[in-house]
Amino acid sequence: MHTVKVIGAGFALLGLLLFLAPRLSLSRANPIGFATRLFIPLWFAAALLNLAIGVSRAGYTVAQEAPIFLIVFGVPAVAALLMFWAFGRRAS
């Protein structure tokens, strides 16, 4: 259940960035591309933090947490990249 919540947080972060991107002056030309380029490293860091907490506090090994990390990072990241490919690559 925790994994589903963290993936949901990833989609929430992506949605927030997509909402804020057109309002930022730097992203007027391509807000989806801007949001995607901002989301990927932010989400990677958050997923890595989730892995570190799983190892340090929950007592899992890195080998046990690595597949979960790939899922937690991968699902929202692939969705963001697909959205960028479909809608945001025009002006980037």
PDB file of N, CA and C in Angstrom:
ATOM      1  N   MET A   1       0.825  -1.196   0.000  1.00  0.00           N
ATOM      2  CA  MET A   1       0.000   0.000   0.000  1.00  0.00           C
ATOM      3  C   MET A   1       0.869   1.259   0.000  1.00  0.00           C
ATOM      4  N   HIS A   2       1.998   1.190   0.680  1.00  0.00           N
ATOM      5  CA  HIS A   2       2.896   2.343   0.723  1.00  0.00           C
ATOM      6  C   HIS A   2       3.388   2.691  -0.678  1.00  0.00           C
ATOM      7  N   THR A   3       3.697   1.677  -1.458  1.00  0.00           N
ATOM      8  CA  THR A   3       4.193   1.905  -2.822  1.00  0.00           C
ATOM      9  C   THR A   3       3.158   2.636  -3.666  1.00  0.00           C
ATOM     10  N   VAL A   4       1.912   2.253  -3.531  1.00  0.00           N
ATOM     11  CA  VAL A   4       0.837   2.911  -4.289  1.00  0.00           C
ATOM     12  C   VAL A   4       0.712   4.379  -3.865  1.00  0.00           C
ATOM     13  N   LYS A   5       0.853   4.648  -2.580  1.00  0.00           N
ATOM     14  CA  LYS A   5       0.785   6.036  -2.100  1.00  0.00           C
ATOM     15  C   LYS A   5       1.943   6.865  -2.633  1.00  0.00           C
ATOM     16  N   VAL A   6       3.131   6.270  -2.668  1.00  0.00           N
ATOM     17  CA  VAL A   6       4.288   7.015  -3.165  1.00  0.00           C
ATOM     18  C   VAL A   6       4.155   7.271  -4.664  1.00  0.00           C
ATOM     19  N   ILE A   7       3.680   6.295  -5.413  1.00  0.00           N
ATOM     20  CA  ILE A   7       3.438   6.502  -6.843  1.00  0.00           C
ATOM     21  C   ILE A   7       2.379   7.591  -7.038  1.00  0.00           C
ATOM     22  N   GLY A   8       1.346   7.577  -6.215  1.00  0.00           N
ATOM     23  CA  GLY A   8       0.327   8.634  -6.267  1.00  0.00           C
ATOM     24  C   GLY A   8       0.914   9.999  -5.976  1.00  0.00           C
ATOM     25  N   ALA A   9       1.870  10.055  -5.041  1.00  0.00           N
ATOM     26  CA  ALA A   9       2.553  11.318  -4.759  1.00  0.00           C
ATOM     27  C   ALA A   9       3.347  11.782  -5.976  1.00  0.00           C
ATOM     28  N   GLY A  10       3.910  10.836  -6.711  1.00  0.00           N
ATOM     29  CA  GLY A  10       4.624  11.193  -7.938  1.00  0.00           C
ATOM     30  C   GLY A  10       3.705  11.813  -8.970  1.00  0.00           C
ATOM     31  N   PHE A  11       2.532  11.217  -9.141  1.00  0.00           N
ATOM     32  CA  PHE A  11       1.564  11.785 -10.073  1.00  0.00           C
ATOM     33  C   PHE A  11       1.062  13.142  -9.575  1.00  0.00           C
ATOM     34  N   ALA A  12       0.932  13.297  -8.263  1.00  0.00           N
ATOM     35  CA  ALA A  12       0.515  14.589  -7.714  1.00  0.00           C
ATOM     36  C   ALA A  12       1.575  15.655  -7.981  1.00  0.00           C
ATOM     37  N   LEU A  13       2.848  15.294  -7.816  1.00  0.00           N
ATOM     38  CA  LEU A  13       3.931  16.239  -8.114  1.00  0.00           C
ATOM     39  C   LEU A  13       3.928  16.605  -9.595  1.00  0.00           C
ATOM     40  N   LEU A  14       3.755  15.621 -10.454  1.00  0.00           N
ATOM     41  CA  LEU A  14       3.687  15.894 -11.892  1.00  0.00           C
ATOM     42  C   LEU A  14       2.518  16.822 -12.213  1.00  0.00           C
ATOM     43  N   GLY A  15       1.371  16.548 -11.629  1.00  0.00           N
ATOM     44  CA  GLY A  15       0.211  17.411 -11.846  1.00  0.00           C
ATOM     45  C   GLY A  15       0.446  18.827 -11.356  1.00  0.00           C
ATOM     46  N   LEU A  16       1.077  18.958 -10.201  1.00  0.00           N
ATOM     47  CA  LEU A  16       1.382  20.282  -9.660  1.00  0.00           C
ATOM     48  C   LEU A  16       2.330  21.043 -10.583  1.00  0.00           C
ATOM     49  N   LEU A  17       3.359  20.364 -11.069  1.00  0.00           N
ATOM     50  CA  LEU A  17       4.301  21.019 -11.972  1.00  0.00           C
ATOM     51  C   LEU A  17       3.642  21.391 -13.298  1.00  0.00           C
ATOM     52  N   LEU A  18       2.770  20.518 -13.796  1.00  0.00           N
ATOM     53  CA  LEU A  18       2.052  20.849 -15.034  1.00  0.00           C
ATOM     54  C   LEU A  18       1.105  22.026 -14.830  1.00  0.00           C
ATOM     55  N   PHE A  19       0.547  22.143 -13.634  1.00  0.00           N
ATOM     56  CA  PHE A  19      -0.324  23.272 -13.320  1.00  0.00           C
ATOM     57  C   PHE A  19       0.475  24.568 -13.197  1.00  0.00           C
ATOM     58  N   LEU A  20       1.643  24.488 -12.554  1.00  0.00           N
ATOM     59  CA  LEU A  20       2.438  25.688 -12.309  1.00  0.00           C
ATOM     60  C   LEU A  20       3.281  26.118 -13.505  1.00  0.00           C
ATOM     61  N   ALA A  21       3.646  25.201 -14.370  1.00  0.00           N
ATOM     62  CA  ALA A  21       4.566  25.516 -15.463  1.00  0.00           C
ATOM     63  C   ALA A  21       4.088  26.662 -16.357  1.00  0.00           C
ATOM     64  N   PRO A  22       2.830  26.701 -16.780  1.00  0.00           N
ATOM     65  CA  PRO A  22       2.416  27.835 -17.630  1.00  0.00           C
ATOM     66  C   PRO A  22       2.448  29.170 -16.903  1.00  0.00           C
ATOM     67  N   ARG A  23       2.404  29.135 -15.596  1.00  0.00           N
ATOM     68  CA  ARG A  23       2.383  30.365 -14.815  1.00  0.00           C
ATOM     69  C   ARG A  23       3.773  30.905 -14.531  1.00  0.00           C
ATOM     70  N   LEU A  24       4.796  30.075 -14.778  1.00  0.00           N
ATOM     71  CA  LEU A  24       6.172  30.523 -14.568  1.00  0.00           C
ATOM     72  C   LEU A  24       6.667  31.202 -15.840  1.00  0.00           C
ATOM     73  N   SER A  25       7.369  32.288 -15.684  1.00  0.00           N
ATOM     74  CA  SER A  25       7.783  33.060 -16.854  1.00  0.00           C
ATOM     75  C   SER A  25       8.780  32.307 -17.729  1.00  0.00           C
ATOM     76  N   LEU A  26       9.521  31.367 -17.171  1.00  0.00           N
ATOM     77  CA  LEU A  26      10.513  30.621 -17.944  1.00  0.00           C
ATOM     78  C   LEU A  26       9.886  29.611 -18.893  1.00  0.00           C
ATOM     79  N   SER A  27       8.635  29.267 -18.680  1.00  0.00           N
ATOM     80  CA  SER A  27       8.050  28.144 -19.409  1.00  0.00           C
ATOM     81  C   SER A  27       6.998  28.553 -20.429  1.00  0.00           C
ATOM     82  N   ARG A  28       6.966  29.780 -20.832  1.00  0.00           N
ATOM     83  CA  ARG A  28       5.902  30.238 -21.733  1.00  0.00           C
ATOM     84  C   ARG A  28       5.902  29.492 -23.071  1.00  0.00           C
ATOM     85  N   ALA A  29       7.064  29.187 -23.607  1.00  0.00           N
ATOM     86  CA  ALA A  29       7.130  28.567 -24.926  1.00  0.00           C
ATOM     87  C   ALA A  29       6.671  27.113 -24.900  1.00  0.00           C
ATOM     88  N   ASN A  30       7.049  26.363 -23.881  1.00  0.00           N
ATOM     89  CA  ASN A  30       6.744  24.941 -23.827  1.00  0.00           C
ATOM     90  C   ASN A  30       6.543  24.504 -22.380  1.00  0.00           C
ATOM     91  N   PRO A  31       5.381  24.726 -21.793  1.00  0.00           N
ATOM     92  CA  PRO A  31       5.193  24.403 -20.379  1.00  0.00           C
ATOM     93  C   PRO A  31       5.269  22.915 -20.081  1.00  0.00           C
ATOM     94  N   ILE A  32       4.827  22.053 -20.990  1.00  0.00           N
ATOM     95  CA  ILE A  32       4.880  20.609 -20.717  1.00  0.00           C
ATOM     96  C   ILE A  32       6.329  20.136 -20.717  1.00  0.00           C
ATOM     97  N   GLY A  33       7.111  20.614 -21.648  1.00  0.00           N
ATOM     98  CA  GLY A  33       8.525  20.266 -21.671  1.00  0.00           C
ATOM     99  C   GLY A  33       9.254  20.766 -20.435  1.00  0.00           C
ATOM    100  N   PHE A  34       8.943  21.992 -20.019  1.00  0.00           N
ATOM    101  CA  PHE A  34       9.548  22.555 -18.819  1.00  0.00           C
ATOM    102  C   PHE A  34       9.181  21.736 -17.591  1.00  0.00           C
ATOM    103  N   ALA A  35       7.906  21.392 -17.455  1.00  0.00           N
ATOM    104  CA  ALA A  35       7.452  20.617 -16.301  1.00  0.00           C
ATOM    105  C   ALA A  35       8.088  19.229 -16.289  1.00  0.00           C
ATOM    106  N   THR A  36       8.213  18.611 -17.444  1.00  0.00           N
ATOM    107  CA  THR A  36       8.813  17.280 -17.521  1.00  0.00           C
ATOM    108  C   THR A  36      10.287  17.328 -17.167  1.00  0.00           C
ATOM    109  N   ARG A  37      11.006  18.306 -17.687  1.00  0.00           N
ATOM    110  CA  ARG A  37      12.428  18.426 -17.374  1.00  0.00           C
ATOM    111  C   ARG A  37      12.661  18.750 -15.910  1.00  0.00           C
ATOM    112  N   LEU A  38      11.736  19.405 -15.283  1.00  0.00           N
ATOM    113  CA  LEU A  38      11.839  19.678 -13.856  1.00  0.00           C
ATOM    114  C   LEU A  38      11.412  18.464 -13.031  1.00  0.00           C
ATOM    115  N   PHE A  39      10.391  17.752 -13.493  1.00  0.00           N
ATOM    116  CA  PHE A  39       9.845  16.627 -12.747  1.00  0.00           C
ATOM    117  C   PHE A  39      10.808  15.455 -12.635  1.00  0.00           C
ATOM    118  N   ILE A  40      11.457  15.079 -13.726  1.00  0.00           N
ATOM    119  CA  ILE A  40      12.281  13.865 -13.738  1.00  0.00           C
ATOM    120  C   ILE A  40      13.363  13.899 -12.654  1.00  0.00           C
ATOM    121  N   PRO A  41      14.214  14.928 -12.565  1.00  0.00           N
ATOM    122  CA  PRO A  41      15.222  14.898 -11.498  1.00  0.00           C
ATOM    123  C   PRO A  41      14.632  15.034 -10.091  1.00  0.00           C
ATOM    124  N   LEU A  42      13.561  15.837  -9.956  1.00  0.00           N
ATOM    125  CA  LEU A  42      12.928  15.952  -8.637  1.00  0.00           C
ATOM    126  C   LEU A  42      12.351  14.612  -8.183  1.00  0.00           C
ATOM    127  N   TRP A  43      11.697  13.916  -9.094  1.00  0.00           N
ATOM    128  CA  TRP A  43      11.083  12.646  -8.741  1.00  0.00           C
ATOM    129  C   TRP A  43      12.145  11.571  -8.505  1.00  0.00           C
ATOM    130  N   PHE A  44      13.252  11.622  -9.241  1.00  0.00           N
ATOM    131  CA  PHE A  44      14.342  10.685  -9.008  1.00  0.00           C
ATOM    132  C   PHE A  44      14.882  10.856  -7.595  1.00  0.00           C
ATOM    133  N   ALA A  45      15.079  12.104  -7.173  1.00  0.00           N
ATOM    134  CA  ALA A  45      15.575  12.376  -5.823  1.00  0.00           C
ATOM    135  C   ALA A  45      14.573  11.907  -4.765  1.00  0.00           C
ATOM    136  N   ALA A  46      13.287  12.139  -5.001  1.00  0.00           N
ATOM    137  CA  ALA A  46      12.269  11.709  -4.032  1.00  0.00           C
ATOM    138  C   ALA A  46      12.190  10.184  -3.955  1.00  0.00           C
ATOM    139  N   ALA A  47      12.282   9.508  -5.100  1.00  0.00           N
ATOM    140  CA  ALA A  47      12.256   8.046  -5.101  1.00  0.00           C
ATOM    141  C   ALA A  47      13.505   7.485  -4.438  1.00  0.00           C
ATOM    142  N   LEU A  48      14.632   8.135  -4.634  1.00  0.00           N
ATOM    143  CA  LEU A  48      15.866   7.717  -3.977  1.00  0.00           C
ATOM    144  C   LEU A  48      15.765   7.915  -2.462  1.00  0.00           C
ATOM    145  N   LEU A  49      15.138   9.002  -2.044  1.00  0.00           N
ATOM    146  CA  LEU A  49      14.902   9.225  -0.616  1.00  0.00           C
ATOM    147  C   LEU A  49      13.986   8.138  -0.053  1.00  0.00           C
ATOM    148  N   ASN A  50      12.981   7.747  -0.789  1.00  0.00           N
ATOM    149  CA  ASN A  50      12.101   6.661  -0.370  1.00  0.00           C
ATOM    150  C   ASN A  50      12.887   5.361  -0.212  1.00  0.00           C
ATOM    151  N   LEU A  51      13.810   5.089  -1.138  1.00  0.00           N
ATOM    152  CA  LEU A  51      14.663   3.905  -1.037  1.00  0.00           C
ATOM    153  C   LEU A  51      15.525   3.980   0.213  1.00  0.00           C
ATOM    154  N   ALA A  52      16.127   5.139   0.470  1.00  0.00           N
ATOM    155  CA  ALA A  52      16.992   5.299   1.640  1.00  0.00           C
ATOM    156  C   ALA A  52      16.219   5.106   2.940  1.00  0.00           C
ATOM    157  N   ILE A  53      15.004   5.608   2.990  1.00  0.00           N
ATOM    158  CA  ILE A  53      14.180   5.419   4.194  1.00  0.00           C
ATOM    159  C   ILE A  53      13.806   3.956   4.351  1.00  0.00           C
ATOM    160  N   GLY A  54      13.498   3.288   3.251  1.00  0.00           N
ATOM    161  CA  GLY A  54      13.186   1.871   3.314  1.00  0.00           C
ATOM    162  C   GLY A  54      14.353   1.041   3.815  1.00  0.00           C
ATOM    163  N   VAL A  55      15.553   1.431   3.448  1.00  0.00           N
ATOM    164  CA  VAL A  55      16.739   0.697   3.893  1.00  0.00           C
ATOM    165  C   VAL A  55      17.080   1.032   5.339  1.00  0.00           C
ATOM    166  N   SER A  56      17.047   2.324   5.678  1.00  0.00           N
ATOM    167  CA  SER A  56      17.499   2.713   7.015  1.00  0.00           C
ATOM    168  C   SER A  56      16.456   2.499   8.104  1.00  0.00           C
ATOM    169  N   ARG A  57      15.212   2.784   7.836  1.00  0.00           N
ATOM    170  CA  ARG A  57      14.186   2.698   8.885  1.00  0.00           C
ATOM    171  C   ARG A  57      13.369   1.420   8.849  1.00  0.00           C
ATOM    172  N   ALA A  58      13.051   0.938   7.667  1.00  0.00           N
ATOM    173  CA  ALA A  58      12.201  -0.248   7.571  1.00  0.00           C
ATOM    174  C   ALA A  58      13.004  -1.536   7.634  1.00  0.00           C
ATOM    175  N   GLY A  59      14.318  -1.443   7.482  1.00  0.00           N
ATOM    176  CA  GLY A  59      15.156  -2.611   7.628  1.00  0.00           C
ATOM    177  C   GLY A  59      15.309  -3.475   6.394  1.00  0.00           C
ATOM    178  N   TYR A  60      14.889  -2.969   5.240  1.00  0.00           N
ATOM    179  CA  TYR A  60      15.076  -3.725   4.009  1.00  0.00           C
ATOM    180  C   TYR A  60      16.508  -3.558   3.520  1.00  0.00           C
ATOM    181  N   THR A  61      16.954  -4.480   2.692  1.00  0.00           N
ATOM    182  CA  THR A  61      18.267  -4.332   2.061  1.00  0.00           C
ATOM    183  C   THR A  61      18.095  -3.539   0.768  1.00  0.00           C
ATOM    184  N   VAL A  62      19.214  -3.077   0.253  1.00  0.00           N
ATOM    185  CA  VAL A  62      19.168  -2.341  -1.010  1.00  0.00           C
ATOM    186  C   VAL A  62      18.658  -3.257  -2.122  1.00  0.00           C
ATOM    187  N   ALA A  63      19.051  -4.518  -2.074  1.00  0.00           N
ATOM    188  CA  ALA A  63      18.586  -5.475  -3.086  1.00  0.00           C
ATOM    189  C   ALA A  63      17.071  -5.675  -3.022  1.00  0.00           C
ATOM    190  N   GLN A  64      16.497  -5.603  -1.837  1.00  0.00           N
ATOM    191  CA  GLN A  64      15.045  -5.732  -1.703  1.00  0.00           C
ATOM    192  C   GLN A  64      14.328  -4.459  -2.139  1.00  0.00           C
ATOM    193  N   GLU A  65      14.943  -3.323  -1.903  1.00  0.00           N
ATOM    194  CA  GLU A  65      14.315  -2.039  -2.232  1.00  0.00           C
ATOM    195  C   GLU A  65      14.503  -1.616  -3.683  1.00  0.00           C
ATOM    196  N   ALA A  66      15.527  -2.128  -4.345  1.00  0.00           N
ATOM    197  CA  ALA A  66      15.834  -1.694  -5.716  1.00  0.00           C
ATOM    198  C   ALA A  66      14.677  -1.929  -6.693  1.00  0.00           C
ATOM    199  N   PRO A  67      14.024  -3.102  -6.697  1.00  0.00           N
ATOM    200  CA  PRO A  67      12.890  -3.261  -7.628  1.00  0.00           C
ATOM    201  C   PRO A  67      11.732  -2.313  -7.315  1.00  0.00           C
ATOM    202  N   ILE A  68      11.516  -2.046  -6.046  1.00  0.00           N
ATOM    203  CA  ILE A  68      10.463  -1.105  -5.647  1.00  0.00           C
ATOM    204  C   ILE A  68      10.834   0.299  -6.123  1.00  0.00           C
ATOM    205  N   PHE A  69      12.115   0.653  -6.003  1.00  0.00           N
ATOM    206  CA  PHE A  69      12.584   1.942  -6.498  1.00  0.00           C
ATOM    207  C   PHE A  69      12.298   2.089  -7.987  1.00  0.00           C
ATOM    208  N   LEU A  70      12.581   1.040  -8.754  1.00  0.00           N
ATOM    209  CA  LEU A  70      12.340   1.098 -10.192  1.00  0.00           C
ATOM    210  C   LEU A  70      10.864   1.313 -10.512  1.00  0.00           C
ATOM    211  N   ILE A  71      10.000   0.689  -9.746  1.00  0.00           N
ATOM    212  CA  ILE A  71       8.555   0.863  -9.959  1.00  0.00           C
ATOM    213  C   ILE A  71       8.116   2.257  -9.540  1.00  0.00           C
ATOM    214  N   VAL A  72       8.556   2.669  -8.331  1.00  0.00           N
ATOM    215  CA  VAL A  72       8.155   3.974  -7.787  1.00  0.00           C
ATOM    216  C   VAL A  72       8.642   5.108  -8.687  1.00  0.00           C
ATOM    217  N   PHE A  73       9.866   5.020  -9.163  1.00  0.00           N
ATOM    218  CA  PHE A  73      10.372   6.060 -10.050  1.00  0.00           C
ATOM    219  C   PHE A  73       9.821   5.900 -11.467  1.00  0.00           C
ATOM    220  N   GLY A  74       9.779   4.676 -11.932  1.00  0.00           N
ATOM    221  CA  GLY A  74       9.476   4.414 -13.332  1.00  0.00           C
ATOM    222  C   GLY A  74       8.073   4.739 -13.775  1.00  0.00           C
ATOM    223  N   VAL A  75       7.092   4.405 -12.979  1.00  0.00           N
ATOM    224  CA  VAL A  75       5.702   4.594 -13.419  1.00  0.00           C
ATOM    225  C   VAL A  75       5.385   6.077 -13.662  1.00  0.00           C
ATOM    226  N   PRO A  76       5.615   6.977 -12.698  1.00  0.00           N
ATOM    227  CA  PRO A  76       5.345   8.391 -12.993  1.00  0.00           C
ATOM    228  C   PRO A  76       6.297   8.982 -14.036  1.00  0.00           C
ATOM    229  N   ALA A  77       7.559   8.527 -14.052  1.00  0.00           N
ATOM    230  CA  ALA A  77       8.516   9.061 -15.018  1.00  0.00           C
ATOM    231  C   ALA A  77       8.129   8.671 -16.441  1.00  0.00           C
ATOM    232  N   VAL A  78       7.712   7.431 -16.641  1.00  0.00           N
ATOM    233  CA  VAL A  78       7.272   7.001 -17.970  1.00  0.00           C
ATOM    234  C   VAL A  78       6.030   7.779 -18.392  1.00  0.00           C
ATOM    235  N   ALA A  79       5.114   8.006 -17.464  1.00  0.00           N
ATOM    236  CA  ALA A  79       3.919   8.796 -17.785  1.00  0.00           C
ATOM    237  C   ALA A  79       4.307  10.214 -18.190  1.00  0.00           C
ATOM    238  N   ALA A  80       5.263  10.813 -17.474  1.00  0.00           N
ATOM    239  CA  ALA A  80       5.709  12.164 -17.813  1.00  0.00           C
ATOM    240  C   ALA A  80       6.383  12.187 -19.181  1.00  0.00           C
ATOM    241  N   LEU A  81       7.210  11.193 -19.458  1.00  0.00           N
ATOM    242  CA  LEU A  81       7.890  11.147 -20.749  1.00  0.00           C
ATOM    243  C   LEU A  81       6.918  10.908 -21.896  1.00  0.00           C
ATOM    244  N   LEU A  82       5.919  10.071 -21.674  1.00  0.00           N
ATOM    245  CA  LEU A  82       4.896   9.869 -22.705  1.00  0.00           C
ATOM    246  C   LEU A  82       4.108  11.147 -22.962  1.00  0.00           C
ATOM    247  N   MET A  83       3.809  11.867 -21.895  1.00  0.00           N
ATOM    248  CA  MET A  83       3.101  13.138 -22.039  1.00  0.00           C
ATOM    249  C   MET A  83       3.971  14.145 -22.793  1.00  0.00           C
ATOM    250  N   PHE A  84       5.253  14.172 -22.477  1.00  0.00           N
ATOM    251  CA  PHE A  84       6.174  15.057 -23.182  1.00  0.00           C
ATOM    252  C   PHE A  84       6.254  14.672 -24.655  1.00  0.00           C
ATOM    253  N   TRP A  85       6.345  13.388 -24.930  1.00  0.00           N
ATOM    254  CA  TRP A  85       6.444  12.921 -26.305  1.00  0.00           C
ATOM    255  C   TRP A  85       5.177  13.261 -27.092  1.00  0.00           C
ATOM    256  N   ALA A  86       4.030  13.114 -26.443  1.00  0.00           N
ATOM    257  CA  ALA A  86       2.765  13.340 -27.146  1.00  0.00           C
ATOM    258  C   ALA A  86       2.435  14.828 -27.307  1.00  0.00           C
ATOM    259  N   PHE A  87       2.753  15.651 -26.291  1.00  0.00           N
ATOM    260  CA  PHE A  87       2.267  17.028 -26.306  1.00  0.00           C
ATOM    261  C   PHE A  87       3.341  18.090 -26.211  1.00  0.00           C
ATOM    262  N   GLY A  88       4.516  17.764 -25.705  1.00  0.00           N
ATOM    263  CA  GLY A  88       5.435  18.822 -25.347  1.00  0.00           C
ATOM    264  C   GLY A  88       6.693  18.939 -26.160  1.00  0.00           C
ATOM    265  N   ARG A  89       6.884  18.122 -27.154  1.00  0.00           N
ATOM    266  CA  ARG A  89       8.164  18.160 -27.853  1.00  0.00           C
ATOM    267  C   ARG A  89       8.198  19.139 -29.014  1.00  0.00           C
ATOM    268  N   ARG A  90       7.125  19.818 -29.272  1.00  0.00           N
ATOM    269  CA  ARG A  90       7.073  20.746 -30.390  1.00  0.00           C
ATOM    270  C   ARG A  90       8.105  21.867 -30.278  1.00  0.00           C
ATOM    271  N   ALA A  91       8.132  22.532 -29.141  1.00  0.00           N
ATOM    272  CA  ALA A  91       8.961  23.725 -29.022  1.00  0.00           C
ATOM    273  C   ALA A  91      10.203  23.504 -28.169  1.00  0.00           C
ATOM    274  N   SER A  92      10.543  22.272 -27.832  1.00  0.00           N
ATOM    275  CA  SER A  92      11.702  22.088 -26.956  1.00  0.00           C
ATOM    276  C   SER A  92      12.955  21.798 -27.689  1.00  0.00           C
TER     277      SER A  92
END
